[in-house]
Amino acid sequence: MLKRLLFLLLVLIAAPVAAQEPSPALRGGAERILAWLKGEAMPADIFAAAFLANVPEAQMRAVPAQFRSQYGAVRGLGRIAPSSPQSGAIQIDYERATVHMDLVVEPQPPYRAAGLLLTSADMRGDTMDAVLTDIRALPGQASVAVARLGGPAPVVTAGHAPDRALAIGSAFKLWILAELSRQVRAGERRWSDVVAIDRRSFAGGTLYAWPRGAPVTLHTLASLMISISDNSATDVLLHLLGREAVERMMARIGVEAAARNRPMLSTLELAAIKTGPAAALDRWLRAGEAERRRILASDYADPDAAGIDVSRFAGGPLSVDSVEWFASPADLARTMDWLRARGDEAAQAILAINPGLAPQMRGDFAYLGYKGGSEPGVISLTWLVRTRAGAWFAVSGIWNNPAAPVEEARFAGLMARAVQLLR
């Protein structure tokens, strides 16, 4: 639902140059990051004010301890690979891993970090059992499936509670992509069809700021929906394809949690229900499927996106165990398998726009498709993977905690380890 970053996307990118040695500014910035991770400096001394305006300082103070719990003691600064005098990839050597980050520093002294992105961690002697042990230790509930594809149905080869259905956030958009691909293959639509933006969701993506009536192709809408989780693109497609058609697609795929997603909510409807009056939320929770459809038609026929109090999502988990989209990792593996075997080439290419892994990891695979989802208390990450040897896999993990926000970077690191082990 809410499009969120694993850490903080780079907010200042300088023009690339051919320099092989890091500039004093970049090396100094990397050394300051090392000091922060060792616990020798506070975030306010390391990060630019604009950075800390997006990621609270309290959260940044907790990161070094989180990393040490996952990777062991900090050993030192490894390789620095500059892409410009102010940006580059850095390595931090830990006792049990080498952690890769992208760093951008401000152009003026003292060269504070203006952007930092955790891209991957290479664990030494890692195993799938070790990954699953770390996932089992997470607070709240988590479920994971690693499934081999290519047979009549996905076969789970490793996992933890793979059939446990949890909230999945924006991963439900995979079902919309699947139904769109089905309609295209059936000759009912074309990817090049142009439609008007006839509705807006709350902020999340780019189309919410576009004027109503702006013409866009179905391919553009689907690409935005999957690659940057654009909520407005999602709601336009859901309305165009038909709520019931997407619900039938869940049945085609074999989603065992399908009943929990009927009626299929748009992103704006879900946000309006979550943030609305307590009495309206209670009525929704007590209603059955037929009554919920009547409520949507009467009370949420045309909700005002501008009236959604987005700040409510910043206060912690908000009805994530009752008002959300739900699936198990096994359900999401079946979804990816449907897109692999029955979706068309355009849908598979759209899945690969944002592969969900750091650039240095992408070359290890012949294909990577990806969709994630998150809101406070919820994160889900699902990949469709083809190895260099030609084997197909789906990897899906979900972590929910209705009592507190989940550590998205921590879970992303764990799931990236699971994908890496398929190499």
Protein backbone atom coordinates (compact mmCIF):
# COMPACT_ATOMS: atom_id res chain seq x y z
CA MET A 1 0.00 0.00 0.00
CA LEU A 2 2.24 2.78 1.18
CA LYS A 3 5.33 2.87 -1.00
CA ARG A 4 8.24 2.85 1.39
CA LEU A 5 11.99 2.55 0.99
CA LEU A 6 14.18 -0.13 2.48
CA PHE A 7 16.33 2.58 4.00
CA LEU A 8 16.43 6.00 2.34
CA LEU A 9 16.79 6.39 -1.39
CA LEU A 10 19.58 8.65 -2.46
CA VAL A 11 18.44 12.25 -2.38
CA LEU A 12 21.45 13.86 -4.01
CA ILE A 13 23.11 12.36 -7.08
CA ALA A 14 26.13 14.02 -8.66
CA ALA A 15 27.14 13.58 -12.30
CA PRO A 16 29.21 10.41 -12.85
CA VAL A 17 32.90 10.78 -13.55
CA ALA A 18 35.62 8.34 -14.47
CA ALA A 19 37.57 8.72 -11.20
CA GLN A 20 38.93 5.45 -9.82
CA GLU A 21 40.00 6.72 -6.42
CA PRO A 22 37.42 8.08 -3.96
CA SER A 23 37.53 11.80 -3.36
CA PRO A 24 38.46 13.05 0.12
CA ALA A 25 34.80 13.97 0.59
CA LEU A 26 33.55 10.49 -0.26
CA ARG A 27 36.23 8.71 1.76
CA GLY A 28 35.58 11.00 4.69
CA GLY A 29 31.85 10.31 4.44
CA ALA A 30 32.47 6.57 4.37
CA GLU A 31 34.68 6.80 7.44
CA ARG A 32 31.94 8.75 9.24
CA ILE A 33 29.41 6.02 8.38
CA LEU A 34 31.85 3.48 9.82
CA ALA A 35 32.11 5.50 13.04
CA TRP A 36 28.31 5.65 13.31
CA LEU A 37 28.00 1.89 12.81
CA LYS A 38 30.65 1.29 15.48
CA GLY A 39 28.62 3.37 17.91
CA GLU A 40 31.28 6.10 18.06
CA ALA A 41 29.12 8.91 16.62
CA MET A 42 25.51 10.05 16.75
CA PRO A 43 23.30 10.32 13.65
CA ALA A 44 23.09 14.12 13.98
CA ASP A 45 26.86 14.27 13.50
CA ILE A 46 26.83 11.98 10.46
CA PHE A 47 23.69 12.70 8.43
CA ALA A 48 22.42 15.82 6.71
CA ALA A 49 19.38 17.57 8.11
CA ALA A 50 17.35 16.71 4.99
CA PHE A 51 18.13 13.02 5.51
CA LEU A 52 17.03 13.07 9.15
CA ALA A 53 13.86 14.89 8.14
CA ASN A 54 12.87 11.76 6.23
CA VAL A 55 14.25 9.12 8.58
CA PRO A 56 13.82 9.94 12.29
CA GLU A 57 17.04 10.19 14.28
CA ALA A 58 15.70 7.70 16.82
CA GLN A 59 15.40 5.11 14.05
CA MET A 60 18.94 5.80 12.90
CA ARG A 61 20.27 5.42 16.44
CA ALA A 62 18.86 1.89 16.50
CA VAL A 63 20.40 0.76 13.21
CA PRO A 64 23.99 0.04 14.41
CA ALA A 65 22.76 -2.35 17.11
CA GLN A 66 20.41 -4.03 14.63
CA PHE A 67 23.24 -4.58 12.20
CA ARG A 68 25.54 -5.95 14.90
CA SER A 69 22.85 -8.42 15.96
CA GLN A 70 22.59 -9.69 12.38
CA TYR A 71 26.20 -9.48 11.19
CA GLY A 72 28.37 -9.51 14.32
CA ALA A 73 31.03 -6.98 15.31
CA VAL A 74 32.18 -4.26 12.91
CA ARG A 75 35.65 -5.00 11.56
CA GLY A 76 36.31 -2.01 9.34
CA LEU A 77 35.80 -0.17 6.09
CA GLY A 78 36.21 -2.19 2.93
CA ARG A 79 36.23 -1.15 -0.70
CA ILE A 80 34.95 2.26 -1.85
CA ALA A 81 33.81 2.35 -5.48
CA PRO A 82 33.11 5.97 -6.50
CA SER A 83 30.55 6.88 -9.14
CA SER A 84 31.22 10.61 -8.66
CA PRO A 85 33.18 12.77 -6.19
CA GLN A 86 30.14 12.77 -3.91
CA SER A 87 28.65 9.31 -4.41
CA GLY A 88 29.64 5.68 -4.60
CA ALA A 89 29.27 2.16 -3.26
CA ILE A 90 30.93 1.33 0.04
CA GLN A 91 31.56 -1.91 1.89
CA ILE A 92 31.48 -2.36 5.66
CA ASP A 93 33.16 -5.53 6.89
CA TYR A 94 31.44 -7.28 9.78
CA GLU A 95 32.35 -10.43 11.63
CA ARG A 96 29.80 -12.54 9.72
CA ALA A 97 29.14 -10.51 6.56
CA THR A 98 30.20 -7.83 4.13
CA VAL A 99 27.50 -5.17 3.95
CA HIS A 100 27.12 -3.14 0.75
CA MET A 101 25.72 0.40 0.78
CA ASP A 102 25.31 3.26 -1.64
CA LEU A 103 26.41 6.57 -0.15
CA VAL A 104 25.99 10.20 -1.19
CA VAL A 105 27.67 13.02 0.71
CA GLU A 106 26.92 16.72 0.70
CA PRO A 107 29.21 18.83 -1.52
CA GLN A 108 30.24 21.16 1.32
CA PRO A 109 32.26 20.37 4.46
CA PRO A 110 31.77 18.53 6.74
CA TYR A 111 30.41 16.29 3.96
CA ARG A 112 27.54 14.80 5.92
CA ALA A 113 25.68 11.85 4.41
CA ALA A 114 22.83 13.09 2.22
CA GLY A 115 21.75 9.62 1.09
CA LEU A 116 22.36 6.07 2.24
CA LEU A 117 20.89 2.86 0.84
CA LEU A 118 21.58 -0.62 2.16
CA THR A 119 21.82 -2.72 -1.00
CA SER A 120 22.89 -6.19 0.14
CA ALA A 121 24.82 -8.24 2.64
CA ASP A 122 27.06 -11.16 1.73
CA MET A 123 26.87 -13.59 4.64
CA ARG A 124 29.83 -15.87 5.24
CA GLY A 125 28.85 -19.55 5.21
CA ASP A 126 25.16 -18.67 4.94
CA THR A 127 22.49 -21.38 4.69
CA MET A 128 18.73 -21.38 4.19
CA ASP A 129 18.33 -22.87 7.66
CA ALA A 130 20.22 -19.89 9.11
CA VAL A 131 17.96 -17.46 7.25
CA LEU A 132 14.83 -19.21 8.48
CA THR A 133 16.15 -19.29 12.05
CA ASP A 134 16.61 -15.51 11.94
CA ILE A 135 13.12 -15.05 10.50
CA ARG A 136 11.53 -17.24 13.20
CA ALA A 137 13.09 -14.97 15.82
CA LEU A 138 11.27 -11.86 14.55
CA PRO A 139 8.61 -10.37 16.84
CA GLY A 140 5.03 -10.73 15.67
CA GLN A 141 4.29 -13.27 12.93
CA ALA A 142 6.32 -14.15 9.87
CA SER A 143 5.93 -16.69 7.09
CA VAL A 144 8.24 -17.64 4.21
CA ALA A 145 8.18 -19.92 1.20
CA VAL A 146 10.91 -20.84 -1.28
CA ALA A 147 9.18 -22.81 -4.03
CA ARG A 148 10.51 -24.57 -7.11
CA LEU A 149 8.40 -23.87 -10.19
CA GLY A 150 7.95 -25.69 -13.47
CA GLY A 151 5.74 -28.60 -12.46
CA PRO A 152 1.95 -28.82 -12.14
CA ALA A 153 2.15 -26.66 -8.99
CA PRO A 154 4.87 -24.91 -6.98
CA VAL A 155 6.78 -27.20 -4.64
CA VAL A 156 7.94 -25.59 -1.39
CA THR A 157 11.56 -26.59 -0.84
CA ALA A 158 12.17 -24.43 2.24
CA GLY A 159 9.99 -22.26 4.40
CA HIS A 160 8.48 -21.25 7.69
CA ALA A 161 4.69 -21.47 8.02
CA PRO A 162 4.36 -21.10 4.23
CA ASP A 163 0.56 -21.45 4.31
CA ARG A 164 0.02 -18.82 7.02
CA ALA A 165 -1.94 -15.92 5.54
CA LEU A 166 -0.88 -12.47 6.71
CA ALA A 167 -1.32 -8.87 5.55
CA ILE A 168 0.67 -8.26 2.34
CA GLY A 169 0.24 -4.55 1.54
CA SER A 170 0.77 -3.69 -2.12
CA ALA A 171 1.57 -7.26 -3.16
CA PHE A 172 -2.16 -7.62 -3.93
CA LYS A 173 -1.40 -5.61 -7.08
CA LEU A 174 0.03 -8.81 -8.56
CA TRP A 175 -3.54 -10.09 -8.92
CA ILE A 176 -4.51 -6.98 -10.88
CA LEU A 177 -1.49 -7.47 -13.16
CA ALA A 178 -2.47 -11.11 -13.66
CA GLU A 179 -6.05 -10.21 -14.63
CA LEU A 180 -4.86 -7.51 -17.01
CA SER A 181 -2.48 -9.98 -18.65
CA ARG A 182 -5.32 -12.52 -18.95
CA GLN A 183 -7.59 -9.96 -20.63
CA VAL A 184 -4.82 -9.00 -23.05
CA ARG A 185 -4.12 -12.63 -23.96
CA ALA A 186 -7.86 -13.20 -24.42
CA GLY A 187 -8.00 -10.33 -26.92
CA GLU A 188 -10.26 -8.23 -24.69
CA ARG A 189 -7.67 -5.45 -24.33
CA ARG A 190 -4.29 -4.38 -25.66
CA TRP A 191 -1.34 -3.07 -23.69
CA SER A 192 -1.36 -0.03 -25.97
CA ASP A 193 -4.98 0.86 -25.16
CA VAL A 194 -5.24 4.46 -23.94
CA VAL A 195 -7.52 5.28 -21.03
CA ALA A 196 -8.15 8.43 -19.01
CA ILE A 197 -7.12 8.82 -15.39
CA ASP A 198 -10.61 8.89 -13.91
CA ARG A 199 -9.75 8.69 -10.21
CA ARG A 200 -6.98 9.46 -7.74
CA SER A 201 -5.79 7.69 -4.64
CA PHE A 202 -3.85 9.25 -1.79
CA ALA A 203 -0.17 10.00 -2.25
CA GLY A 204 1.89 7.02 -3.31
CA GLY A 205 3.55 7.11 -6.71
CA THR A 206 3.17 9.94 -9.22
CA LEU A 207 -0.27 9.83 -10.85
CA TYR A 208 -2.09 11.26 -7.83
CA ALA A 209 -0.71 14.67 -8.89
CA TRP A 210 -1.74 14.29 -12.55
CA PRO A 211 -4.90 15.97 -13.84
CA ARG A 212 -8.04 13.93 -14.19
CA GLY A 213 -8.63 12.93 -17.76
CA ALA A 214 -4.94 12.62 -18.61
CA PRO A 215 -4.50 9.84 -21.20
CA VAL A 216 -2.23 6.90 -20.36
CA THR A 217 -1.74 3.42 -21.79
CA LEU A 218 -2.56 0.26 -19.89
CA HIS A 219 1.13 -0.66 -20.09
CA THR A 220 2.08 2.61 -18.37
CA LEU A 221 -0.50 2.10 -15.63
CA ALA A 222 0.66 -1.45 -14.96
CA SER A 223 4.33 -0.46 -15.01
CA LEU A 224 3.75 2.29 -12.46
CA MET A 225 1.56 0.03 -10.32
CA ILE A 226 4.22 -2.67 -10.07
CA SER A 227 7.55 -0.83 -10.26
CA ILE A 228 6.80 2.08 -7.88
CA SER A 229 3.52 0.81 -6.39
CA ASP A 230 1.54 3.77 -7.72
CA ASN A 231 -1.79 3.75 -5.86
CA SER A 232 -3.70 5.87 -8.38
CA ALA A 233 -2.58 3.64 -11.27
CA THR A 234 -3.74 0.66 -9.24
CA ASP A 235 -7.21 2.06 -8.59
CA VAL A 236 -7.69 3.08 -12.22
CA LEU A 237 -6.85 -0.47 -13.33
CA LEU A 238 -8.99 -2.14 -10.66
CA HIS A 239 -12.00 -0.04 -11.70
CA LEU A 240 -11.35 -0.64 -15.40
CA LEU A 241 -10.83 -4.40 -15.19
CA GLY A 242 -13.60 -4.91 -12.66
CA ARG A 243 -13.44 -5.74 -8.97
CA GLU A 244 -15.18 -9.08 -9.53
CA ALA A 245 -12.83 -9.98 -12.39
CA VAL A 246 -9.80 -9.57 -10.11
CA GLU A 247 -11.57 -11.63 -7.46
CA ARG A 248 -12.11 -14.41 -10.02
CA MET A 249 -8.42 -14.22 -10.88
CA MET A 250 -7.56 -15.08 -7.28
CA ALA A 251 -9.66 -18.23 -7.70
CA ARG A 252 -7.93 -19.10 -10.98
CA ILE A 253 -4.55 -18.79 -9.33
CA GLY A 254 -5.62 -20.86 -6.32
CA VAL A 255 -5.22 -18.19 -3.64
CA GLU A 256 -6.38 -19.96 -0.48
CA ALA A 257 -6.89 -16.65 1.36
CA ALA A 258 -9.14 -15.31 -1.42
CA ALA A 259 -12.25 -15.04 0.79
CA ARG A 260 -10.47 -12.57 3.07
CA ASN A 261 -9.98 -10.27 0.08
CA ARG A 262 -13.61 -10.16 -1.05
CA PRO A 263 -14.71 -7.57 -1.83
CA MET A 264 -11.37 -6.55 -3.32
CA LEU A 265 -10.63 -3.09 -1.94
CA SER A 266 -8.99 -0.31 -3.90
CA THR A 267 -6.13 1.49 -2.17
CA LEU A 268 -8.32 4.55 -1.58
CA GLU A 269 -11.18 2.50 -0.15
CA LEU A 270 -8.85 0.72 2.23
CA ALA A 271 -7.28 3.96 3.41
CA ALA A 272 -10.69 5.59 3.87
CA ILE A 273 -11.94 2.68 5.97
CA LYS A 274 -8.78 2.55 8.08
CA THR A 275 -8.67 6.27 8.81
CA GLY A 276 -12.41 6.93 9.04
CA PRO A 277 -14.65 7.25 12.09
CA ALA A 278 -14.47 4.44 14.62
CA ALA A 279 -18.17 3.63 14.17
CA ALA A 280 -17.74 3.18 10.41
CA LEU A 281 -14.71 0.93 10.96
CA ASP A 282 -16.64 -1.15 13.48
CA ARG A 283 -19.56 -1.53 11.06
CA TRP A 284 -17.15 -2.73 8.38
CA LEU A 285 -15.52 -5.25 10.69
CA ARG A 286 -18.88 -6.72 11.75
CA ALA A 287 -20.23 -6.97 8.18
CA GLY A 288 -20.18 -10.04 5.97
CA GLU A 289 -19.15 -9.98 2.32
CA ALA A 290 -22.57 -9.01 0.92
CA GLU A 291 -22.98 -6.20 3.45
CA ARG A 292 -19.47 -4.95 2.77
CA ARG A 293 -20.30 -4.66 -0.92
CA ARG A 294 -23.36 -2.57 0.00
CA ILE A 295 -21.21 -0.39 2.28
CA LEU A 296 -18.72 0.24 -0.52
CA ALA A 297 -21.50 1.19 -2.92
CA SER A 298 -23.21 3.55 -0.48
CA ASP A 299 -20.52 5.00 1.81
CA TYR A 300 -17.36 4.78 -0.30
CA ALA A 301 -18.64 5.26 -3.83
CA ASP A 302 -16.47 8.35 -4.36
CA PRO A 303 -14.15 8.91 -1.39
CA ASP A 304 -12.12 12.10 -1.39
CA ALA A 305 -8.41 11.32 -1.60
CA ALA A 306 -7.58 14.76 -0.23
CA GLY A 307 -9.59 13.93 2.87
CA ILE A 308 -7.46 10.92 3.84
CA ASP A 309 -5.43 11.68 6.94
CA VAL A 310 -2.18 10.05 5.82
CA SER A 311 -0.53 11.01 9.12
CA ARG A 312 -2.59 8.26 10.76
CA PHE A 313 -0.27 5.73 9.14
CA ALA A 314 2.74 7.33 10.83
CA GLY A 315 1.38 6.54 14.27
CA GLY A 316 2.01 2.81 14.13
CA PRO A 317 0.14 -0.22 12.79
CA LEU A 318 -3.45 0.59 11.86
CA SER A 319 -5.91 -2.35 11.76
CA VAL A 320 -3.35 -4.42 9.87
CA ASP A 321 -4.86 -7.70 11.06
CA SER A 322 -8.38 -6.81 9.93
CA VAL A 323 -8.40 -4.19 7.15
CA GLU A 324 -5.75 -5.12 4.61
CA TRP A 325 -5.09 -7.51 1.75
CA PHE A 326 -4.16 -11.03 2.84
CA ALA A 327 -2.25 -13.98 1.40
CA SER A 328 0.25 -16.60 2.43
CA PRO A 329 3.72 -16.95 0.91
CA ALA A 330 2.41 -20.09 -0.80
CA ASP A 331 -0.43 -18.01 -2.30
CA LEU A 332 2.05 -15.46 -3.61
CA ALA A 333 4.28 -18.22 -5.00
CA ARG A 334 1.25 -19.56 -6.89
CA THR A 335 0.59 -16.03 -8.14
CA MET A 336 4.11 -15.67 -9.49
CA ASP A 337 3.89 -19.12 -11.03
CA TRP A 338 0.66 -18.14 -12.83
CA LEU A 339 2.37 -15.03 -14.22
CA ARG A 340 5.35 -17.14 -15.30
CA ALA A 341 3.33 -19.86 -17.00
CA ARG A 342 0.17 -18.05 -18.14
CA GLY A 343 1.01 -14.36 -18.14
CA ASP A 344 2.33 -12.76 -21.30
CA GLU A 345 5.79 -11.38 -22.00
CA ALA A 346 4.74 -7.79 -21.27
CA ALA A 347 3.56 -8.70 -17.77
CA GLN A 348 6.80 -10.53 -17.05
CA ALA A 349 8.83 -7.57 -18.33
CA ILE A 350 6.84 -5.24 -16.07
CA LEU A 351 7.64 -7.43 -13.07
CA ALA A 352 11.34 -7.06 -13.87
CA ILE A 353 11.41 -3.23 -14.02
CA ASN A 354 12.18 -3.08 -10.31
CA PRO A 355 13.83 -6.41 -9.41
CA GLY A 356 13.97 -5.61 -5.70
CA LEU A 357 17.68 -6.40 -5.29
CA ALA A 358 20.88 -4.40 -5.45
CA PRO A 359 22.45 -3.96 -8.90
CA GLN A 360 25.47 -6.07 -8.00
CA MET A 361 23.17 -9.04 -7.25
CA ARG A 362 21.02 -8.87 -10.38
CA GLY A 363 23.67 -10.26 -12.69
CA ASP A 364 23.67 -13.53 -10.77
CA PHE A 365 20.27 -14.44 -12.23
CA ALA A 366 18.79 -14.87 -15.69
CA TYR A 367 15.54 -13.17 -14.59
CA LEU A 368 14.21 -11.39 -11.52
CA GLY A 369 10.62 -10.24 -11.14
CA TYR A 370 9.50 -8.59 -7.93
CA LYS A 371 6.69 -6.97 -5.97
CA GLY A 372 6.76 -5.77 -2.40
CA GLY A 373 4.24 -4.21 -0.08
CA SER A 374 4.33 -2.42 3.24
CA GLU A 375 2.69 -0.18 5.78
CA PRO A 376 3.53 0.23 9.47
CA GLY A 377 3.42 -3.26 10.97
CA VAL A 378 3.46 -4.98 7.55
CA ILE A 379 6.06 -5.94 4.98
CA SER A 380 5.89 -8.51 2.19
CA LEU A 381 8.54 -9.26 -0.43
CA THR A 382 8.03 -11.66 -3.33
CA TRP A 383 10.33 -12.60 -6.22
CA LEU A 384 10.01 -14.65 -9.38
CA VAL A 385 13.51 -15.99 -10.07
CA ARG A 386 15.16 -17.81 -12.93
CA THR A 387 18.68 -19.00 -12.20
CA ARG A 388 21.52 -19.02 -14.70
CA ALA A 389 21.03 -22.78 -14.89
CA GLY A 390 17.44 -22.24 -16.04
CA ALA A 391 15.56 -23.28 -12.87
CA TRP A 392 12.53 -21.24 -11.83
CA PHE A 393 11.72 -20.34 -8.22
CA ALA A 394 9.36 -18.13 -6.28
CA VAL A 395 10.59 -16.63 -3.02
CA SER A 396 8.06 -14.93 -0.77
CA GLY A 397 8.23 -13.63 2.77
CA ILE A 398 5.75 -11.75 4.96
CA TRP A 399 6.23 -10.17 8.39
CA ASN A 400 3.38 -8.66 10.41
CA ASN A 401 3.39 -7.08 13.83
CA PRO A 402 0.07 -5.43 14.81
CA ALA A 403 1.72 -4.01 17.93
CA ALA A 404 4.68 -2.13 16.43
CA PRO A 405 6.26 -1.10 13.11
CA VAL A 406 8.42 -3.78 11.56
CA GLU A 407 12.08 -3.21 10.69
CA GLU A 408 11.81 -3.16 6.92
CA ALA A 409 15.55 -3.04 6.21
CA ARG A 410 16.13 -5.99 8.52
CA PHE A 411 13.53 -8.13 6.78
CA ALA A 412 14.68 -7.06 3.33
CA GLY A 413 18.19 -8.18 4.23
CA LEU A 414 16.94 -11.56 5.41
CA MET A 415 14.89 -12.14 2.27
CA ALA A 416 17.75 -10.98 0.02
CA ARG A 417 19.88 -13.67 1.67
CA ALA A 418 17.26 -16.28 0.77
CA VAL A 419 17.26 -15.16 -2.86
CA GLN A 420 21.06 -15.09 -3.01
CA LEU A 421 21.23 -18.71 -1.85
CA LEU A 422 19.44 -19.76 -5.04
CA ARG A 423 22.52 -18.82 -7.06
